[in-house]
Amino acid sequence: MFSIDLTSRIPIYEQIYSKITELAVSGSLSEHTQLPSVRSLAKDMRVNPNTVAKAYQELERSGVIYSVPGKGSFIAVLDSSVFQEAALSEFDAAAETAKNRGITADIMKQHIDSIFEEGERK
């Protein structure tokens, strides 16, 4: 389904949360698509099932997925504007931090342009 970086400082459950959210918002995982069971995904990723369960709980709390008892977890109908607002809020905080550390607007714009250019090449 996707991979995680076991050496990253980002907790594994957050990586799972972020990747599933990204796939859902981008439409790669369409609405009502069933996700692998907690045990199945944990086995495939070679992580503890509690880690996957925590990611699924956070995804459900955020409205990215919903659970049907006895059936599993599914991608919810998403309002992408909510996720865009959250992303822009995170971006604003990061941009403010960069500005406070002496990074100019021109450097930030160049960096943003390079990120979007990379995305277009993929």
N, C-alpha and C. Protein backbone atom coordinates (compact mmCIF):
# COMPACT_ATOMS: atom_id res chain seq x y z
N MET A 1 0.83 -1.19 0.00
CA MET A 1 0.00 0.00 0.00
C MET A 1 0.87 1.26 0.00
N PHE A 2 1.84 1.34 0.92
CA PHE A 2 2.80 2.43 1.00
C PHE A 2 3.90 2.00 1.94
N SER A 3 4.95 2.80 2.00
CA SER A 3 6.05 2.45 2.89
C SER A 3 6.25 3.52 3.95
N ILE A 4 6.91 3.13 5.01
CA ILE A 4 7.24 4.05 6.09
C ILE A 4 8.74 3.99 6.33
N ASP A 5 9.25 5.00 6.98
CA ASP A 5 10.67 5.07 7.28
C ASP A 5 10.87 4.74 8.76
N LEU A 6 11.36 3.54 9.01
CA LEU A 6 11.56 3.09 10.39
C LEU A 6 12.66 3.85 11.11
N THR A 7 13.51 4.56 10.36
CA THR A 7 14.60 5.31 10.96
C THR A 7 14.25 6.78 11.19
N SER A 8 13.08 7.19 10.76
CA SER A 8 12.65 8.58 10.89
C SER A 8 12.39 8.94 12.34
N ARG A 9 12.54 10.21 12.64
CA ARG A 9 12.19 10.71 13.97
C ARG A 9 10.68 10.86 14.13
N ILE A 10 9.97 10.84 13.00
CA ILE A 10 8.51 10.94 13.03
C ILE A 10 7.96 9.59 13.46
N PRO A 11 7.11 9.58 14.50
CA PRO A 11 6.57 8.30 14.96
C PRO A 11 5.86 7.54 13.83
N ILE A 12 5.94 6.22 13.89
CA ILE A 12 5.39 5.39 12.83
C ILE A 12 3.89 5.63 12.66
N TYR A 13 3.15 5.76 13.78
CA TYR A 13 1.71 5.96 13.64
C TYR A 13 1.41 7.28 12.93
N GLU A 14 2.24 8.30 13.13
CA GLU A 14 2.05 9.57 12.44
C GLU A 14 2.35 9.44 10.95
N GLN A 15 3.36 8.63 10.61
CA GLN A 15 3.66 8.39 9.20
C GLN A 15 2.49 7.69 8.52
N ILE A 16 1.92 6.70 9.19
CA ILE A 16 0.77 5.97 8.64
C ILE A 16 -0.40 6.94 8.49
N TYR A 17 -0.66 7.72 9.53
CA TYR A 17 -1.74 8.70 9.51
C TYR A 17 -1.57 9.66 8.33
N SER A 18 -0.38 10.21 8.19
CA SER A 18 -0.11 11.19 7.13
C SER A 18 -0.27 10.58 5.75
N LYS A 19 0.25 9.38 5.56
CA LYS A 19 0.20 8.77 4.24
C LYS A 19 -1.23 8.42 3.84
N ILE A 20 -2.01 7.86 4.75
CA ILE A 20 -3.39 7.53 4.42
C ILE A 20 -4.19 8.80 4.17
N THR A 21 -3.95 9.84 4.96
CA THR A 21 -4.63 11.11 4.73
C THR A 21 -4.28 11.67 3.36
N GLU A 22 -3.01 11.64 3.02
CA GLU A 22 -2.54 12.12 1.71
C GLU A 22 -3.20 11.35 0.58
N LEU A 23 -3.23 10.03 0.69
CA LEU A 23 -3.84 9.20 -0.35
C LEU A 23 -5.34 9.44 -0.47
N ALA A 24 -5.99 9.68 0.66
CA ALA A 24 -7.44 9.93 0.64
C ALA A 24 -7.76 11.29 0.04
N VAL A 25 -7.03 12.32 0.47
CA VAL A 25 -7.29 13.67 -0.02
C VAL A 25 -6.97 13.79 -1.51
N SER A 26 -5.93 13.11 -1.95
CA SER A 26 -5.54 13.18 -3.37
C SER A 26 -6.47 12.35 -4.26
N GLY A 27 -7.27 11.49 -3.66
CA GLY A 27 -8.17 10.65 -4.44
C GLY A 27 -7.57 9.31 -4.83
N SER A 28 -6.32 9.07 -4.43
CA SER A 28 -5.70 7.76 -4.72
C SER A 28 -6.44 6.64 -4.00
N LEU A 29 -6.97 6.95 -2.83
CA LEU A 29 -7.89 6.04 -2.13
C LEU A 29 -9.25 6.71 -2.20
N SER A 30 -10.16 6.14 -2.95
CA SER A 30 -11.45 6.78 -3.13
C SER A 30 -12.37 6.53 -1.94
N GLU A 31 -13.42 7.33 -1.87
CA GLU A 31 -14.39 7.24 -0.79
C GLU A 31 -14.95 5.82 -0.69
N HIS A 32 -15.11 5.37 0.52
CA HIS A 32 -15.67 4.06 0.87
C HIS A 32 -14.74 2.88 0.52
N THR A 33 -13.49 3.18 0.16
CA THR A 33 -12.51 2.12 -0.07
C THR A 33 -12.15 1.50 1.28
N GLN A 34 -12.16 0.18 1.34
CA GLN A 34 -11.82 -0.49 2.59
C GLN A 34 -10.32 -0.53 2.76
N LEU A 35 -9.88 -0.20 3.97
CA LEU A 35 -8.47 -0.28 4.32
C LEU A 35 -8.14 -1.68 4.80
N PRO A 36 -6.87 -2.05 4.73
CA PRO A 36 -6.48 -3.35 5.29
C PRO A 36 -6.79 -3.39 6.79
N SER A 37 -7.01 -4.56 7.31
CA SER A 37 -7.24 -4.68 8.75
C SER A 37 -5.98 -4.24 9.49
N VAL A 38 -6.15 -3.91 10.75
CA VAL A 38 -5.02 -3.49 11.57
C VAL A 38 -3.93 -4.55 11.55
N ARG A 39 -4.31 -5.79 11.78
CA ARG A 39 -3.31 -6.87 11.82
C ARG A 39 -2.64 -7.07 10.47
N SER A 40 -3.42 -7.00 9.41
CA SER A 40 -2.87 -7.20 8.07
C SER A 40 -1.85 -6.12 7.72
N LEU A 41 -2.22 -4.86 7.97
CA LEU A 41 -1.30 -3.76 7.67
C LEU A 41 -0.06 -3.83 8.56
N ALA A 42 -0.26 -4.16 9.83
CA ALA A 42 0.88 -4.28 10.75
C ALA A 42 1.84 -5.37 10.27
N LYS A 43 1.29 -6.48 9.82
CA LYS A 43 2.13 -7.58 9.34
C LYS A 43 2.88 -7.16 8.08
N ASP A 44 2.18 -6.52 7.13
CA ASP A 44 2.82 -6.08 5.88
C ASP A 44 3.93 -5.06 6.13
N MET A 45 3.71 -4.17 7.11
CA MET A 45 4.68 -3.11 7.39
C MET A 45 5.70 -3.52 8.44
N ARG A 46 5.49 -4.68 9.03
CA ARG A 46 6.37 -5.19 10.07
C ARG A 46 6.46 -4.24 11.27
N VAL A 47 5.26 -3.82 11.72
CA VAL A 47 5.18 -2.96 12.90
C VAL A 47 4.17 -3.58 13.87
N ASN A 48 4.15 -3.05 15.07
CA ASN A 48 3.24 -3.54 16.09
C ASN A 48 1.80 -3.19 15.73
N PRO A 49 0.85 -4.12 15.87
CA PRO A 49 -0.55 -3.82 15.57
C PRO A 49 -1.09 -2.63 16.36
N ASN A 50 -0.58 -2.41 17.58
CA ASN A 50 -1.03 -1.26 18.37
C ASN A 50 -0.67 0.06 17.68
N THR A 51 0.43 0.06 16.95
CA THR A 51 0.85 1.26 16.22
C THR A 51 -0.15 1.58 15.12
N VAL A 52 -0.53 0.56 14.37
CA VAL A 52 -1.51 0.75 13.29
C VAL A 52 -2.87 1.13 13.89
N ALA A 53 -3.24 0.48 14.99
CA ALA A 53 -4.52 0.79 15.64
C ALA A 53 -4.55 2.25 16.07
N LYS A 54 -3.44 2.76 16.59
CA LYS A 54 -3.38 4.16 17.01
C LYS A 54 -3.55 5.09 15.81
N ALA A 55 -2.91 4.75 14.70
CA ALA A 55 -3.05 5.56 13.48
C ALA A 55 -4.51 5.54 13.01
N TYR A 56 -5.13 4.38 13.00
CA TYR A 56 -6.53 4.27 12.58
C TYR A 56 -7.44 5.06 13.51
N GLN A 57 -7.17 5.04 14.81
CA GLN A 57 -7.97 5.82 15.76
C GLN A 57 -7.86 7.31 15.47
N GLU A 58 -6.65 7.77 15.19
CA GLU A 58 -6.45 9.19 14.86
C GLU A 58 -7.13 9.54 13.53
N LEU A 59 -7.05 8.63 12.57
CA LEU A 59 -7.70 8.87 11.28
C LEU A 59 -9.22 8.97 11.45
N GLU A 60 -9.77 8.12 12.29
CA GLU A 60 -11.22 8.16 12.53
C GLU A 60 -11.59 9.44 13.28
N ARG A 61 -10.80 9.81 14.26
CA ARG A 61 -11.05 11.04 15.02
C ARG A 61 -11.01 12.26 14.12
N SER A 62 -10.15 12.23 13.09
CA SER A 62 -10.02 13.34 12.16
C SER A 62 -11.05 13.32 11.04
N GLY A 63 -11.81 12.24 10.95
CA GLY A 63 -12.82 12.15 9.91
C GLY A 63 -12.31 11.65 8.58
N VAL A 64 -11.10 11.12 8.56
CA VAL A 64 -10.53 10.60 7.31
C VAL A 64 -11.10 9.22 7.00
N ILE A 65 -11.33 8.42 8.05
CA ILE A 65 -11.90 7.09 7.87
C ILE A 65 -13.09 6.92 8.81
N TYR A 66 -13.87 5.90 8.54
CA TYR A 66 -14.94 5.50 9.45
C TYR A 66 -14.87 3.99 9.58
N SER A 67 -15.36 3.50 10.70
CA SER A 67 -15.33 2.06 10.97
C SER A 67 -16.75 1.51 10.99
N VAL A 68 -16.87 0.31 10.48
CA VAL A 68 -18.12 -0.43 10.54
C VAL A 68 -17.83 -1.68 11.35
N PRO A 69 -18.46 -1.82 12.54
CA PRO A 69 -18.18 -2.98 13.38
C PRO A 69 -18.35 -4.29 12.61
N GLY A 70 -17.34 -5.13 12.70
CA GLY A 70 -17.37 -6.43 12.04
C GLY A 70 -17.00 -6.39 10.57
N LYS A 71 -16.86 -5.19 10.01
CA LYS A 71 -16.56 -5.06 8.57
C LYS A 71 -15.18 -4.46 8.31
N GLY A 72 -14.78 -3.48 9.14
CA GLY A 72 -13.47 -2.87 8.95
C GLY A 72 -13.53 -1.36 8.89
N SER A 73 -12.46 -0.78 8.38
CA SER A 73 -12.31 0.67 8.26
C SER A 73 -12.33 1.07 6.80
N PHE A 74 -12.96 2.22 6.53
CA PHE A 74 -13.17 2.68 5.17
C PHE A 74 -12.83 4.16 5.07
N ILE A 75 -12.47 4.60 3.86
CA ILE A 75 -12.20 6.01 3.61
C ILE A 75 -13.53 6.76 3.65
N ALA A 76 -13.56 7.84 4.41
CA ALA A 76 -14.77 8.65 4.56
C ALA A 76 -14.94 9.59 3.37
N VAL A 77 -16.13 10.16 3.25
CA VAL A 77 -16.37 11.23 2.29
C VAL A 77 -15.70 12.47 2.88
N LEU A 78 -14.73 12.99 2.17
CA LEU A 78 -13.90 14.06 2.73
C LEU A 78 -14.26 15.42 2.18
N ASP A 79 -14.17 16.41 3.06
CA ASP A 79 -14.28 17.80 2.67
C ASP A 79 -12.85 18.31 2.55
N SER A 80 -12.34 18.37 1.33
CA SER A 80 -10.93 18.71 1.14
C SER A 80 -10.60 20.11 1.65
N SER A 81 -11.58 21.00 1.73
CA SER A 81 -11.29 22.35 2.22
C SER A 81 -10.81 22.33 3.67
N VAL A 82 -11.30 21.38 4.47
CA VAL A 82 -10.86 21.27 5.86
C VAL A 82 -9.37 20.92 5.91
N PHE A 83 -8.96 19.98 5.05
CA PHE A 83 -7.56 19.57 5.03
C PHE A 83 -6.68 20.66 4.42
N GLN A 84 -7.22 21.39 3.45
CA GLN A 84 -6.45 22.48 2.87
C GLN A 84 -6.23 23.59 3.90
N GLU A 85 -7.27 23.91 4.68
CA GLU A 85 -7.12 24.92 5.72
C GLU A 85 -6.09 24.49 6.76
N ALA A 86 -6.12 23.23 7.15
CA ALA A 86 -5.14 22.73 8.12
C ALA A 86 -3.73 22.80 7.55
N ALA A 87 -3.58 22.41 6.28
CA ALA A 87 -2.26 22.46 5.64
C ALA A 87 -1.76 23.90 5.55
N LEU A 88 -2.65 24.83 5.20
CA LEU A 88 -2.24 26.23 5.11
C LEU A 88 -1.87 26.80 6.48
N SER A 89 -2.56 26.36 7.49
CA SER A 89 -2.23 26.80 8.85
C SER A 89 -0.84 26.30 9.25
N GLU A 90 -0.54 25.05 8.92
CA GLU A 90 0.80 24.49 9.19
C GLU A 90 1.85 25.24 8.37
N PHE A 91 1.50 25.54 7.11
CA PHE A 91 2.42 26.27 6.24
C PHE A 91 2.72 27.65 6.81
N ASP A 92 1.67 28.34 7.28
CA ASP A 92 1.85 29.66 7.86
C ASP A 92 2.82 29.62 9.04
N ALA A 93 2.65 28.62 9.89
CA ALA A 93 3.53 28.49 11.06
C ALA A 93 4.97 28.23 10.62
N ALA A 94 5.14 27.36 9.62
CA ALA A 94 6.49 27.05 9.13
C ALA A 94 7.12 28.28 8.47
N ALA A 95 6.32 29.02 7.70
CA ALA A 95 6.83 30.22 7.03
C ALA A 95 7.23 31.28 8.06
N GLU A 96 6.44 31.42 9.12
CA GLU A 96 6.76 32.38 10.18
C GLU A 96 8.07 31.98 10.87
N THR A 97 8.25 30.69 11.13
CA THR A 97 9.49 30.21 11.74
C THR A 97 10.67 30.50 10.81
N ALA A 98 10.51 30.22 9.52
CA ALA A 98 11.58 30.47 8.56
C ALA A 98 11.93 31.95 8.52
N LYS A 99 10.92 32.79 8.50
CA LYS A 99 11.14 34.26 8.48
C LYS A 99 11.91 34.70 9.73
N ASN A 100 11.52 34.15 10.87
CA ASN A 100 12.19 34.51 12.13
C ASN A 100 13.63 34.01 12.18
N ARG A 101 13.95 33.05 11.34
CA ARG A 101 15.33 32.53 11.30
C ARG A 101 16.14 33.15 10.17
N GLY A 102 15.59 34.21 9.57
CA GLY A 102 16.36 34.96 8.59
C GLY A 102 16.21 34.54 7.15
N ILE A 103 15.27 33.68 6.85
CA ILE A 103 15.08 33.26 5.46
C ILE A 103 14.19 34.30 4.78
N THR A 104 14.65 34.81 3.65
CA THR A 104 13.93 35.87 2.95
C THR A 104 12.73 35.30 2.17
N ALA A 105 11.83 36.20 1.81
CA ALA A 105 10.66 35.82 1.03
C ALA A 105 11.08 35.24 -0.32
N ASP A 106 12.11 35.81 -0.93
CA ASP A 106 12.58 35.31 -2.23
C ASP A 106 13.07 33.87 -2.12
N ILE A 107 13.82 33.56 -1.07
CA ILE A 107 14.32 32.19 -0.88
C ILE A 107 13.14 31.25 -0.66
N MET A 108 12.17 31.67 0.15
CA MET A 108 11.00 30.82 0.38
C MET A 108 10.23 30.58 -0.91
N LYS A 109 10.06 31.62 -1.71
CA LYS A 109 9.34 31.47 -2.99
C LYS A 109 10.08 30.50 -3.91
N GLN A 110 11.39 30.62 -3.98
CA GLN A 110 12.18 29.70 -4.81
C GLN A 110 12.02 28.27 -4.31
N HIS A 111 12.02 28.10 -3.01
CA HIS A 111 11.87 26.77 -2.43
C HIS A 111 10.49 26.19 -2.76
N ILE A 112 9.46 27.00 -2.61
CA ILE A 112 8.10 26.55 -2.94
C ILE A 112 8.01 26.17 -4.41
N ASP A 113 8.58 27.01 -5.28
CA ASP A 113 8.56 26.70 -6.71
C ASP A 113 9.25 25.38 -7.01
N SER A 114 10.38 25.12 -6.34
CA SER A 114 11.10 23.86 -6.59
C SER A 114 10.29 22.66 -6.11
N ILE A 115 9.54 22.82 -5.02
CA ILE A 115 8.70 21.73 -4.53
C ILE A 115 7.62 21.40 -5.55
N PHE A 116 6.99 22.43 -6.10
CA PHE A 116 5.93 22.20 -7.09
C PHE A 116 6.49 21.67 -8.40
N GLU A 117 7.68 22.11 -8.78
CA GLU A 117 8.31 21.58 -10.00
C GLU A 117 8.64 20.10 -9.84
N GLU A 118 9.12 19.72 -8.67
CA GLU A 118 9.39 18.29 -8.39
C GLU A 118 8.12 17.47 -8.49
N GLY A 119 7.03 17.99 -7.92
CA GLY A 119 5.75 17.31 -7.96
C GLY A 119 5.24 17.10 -9.36
N GLU A 120 5.49 18.05 -10.24
CA GLU A 120 5.05 17.93 -11.63
C GLU A 120 5.86 16.88 -12.39
N ARG A 121 7.10 16.67 -11.97
CA ARG A 121 7.95 15.66 -12.64
C ARG A 121 7.59 14.24 -12.23
N LYS A 122 6.95 14.09 -11.09
CA LYS A 122 6.62 12.74 -10.60
C LYS A 122 5.41 12.18 -11.30
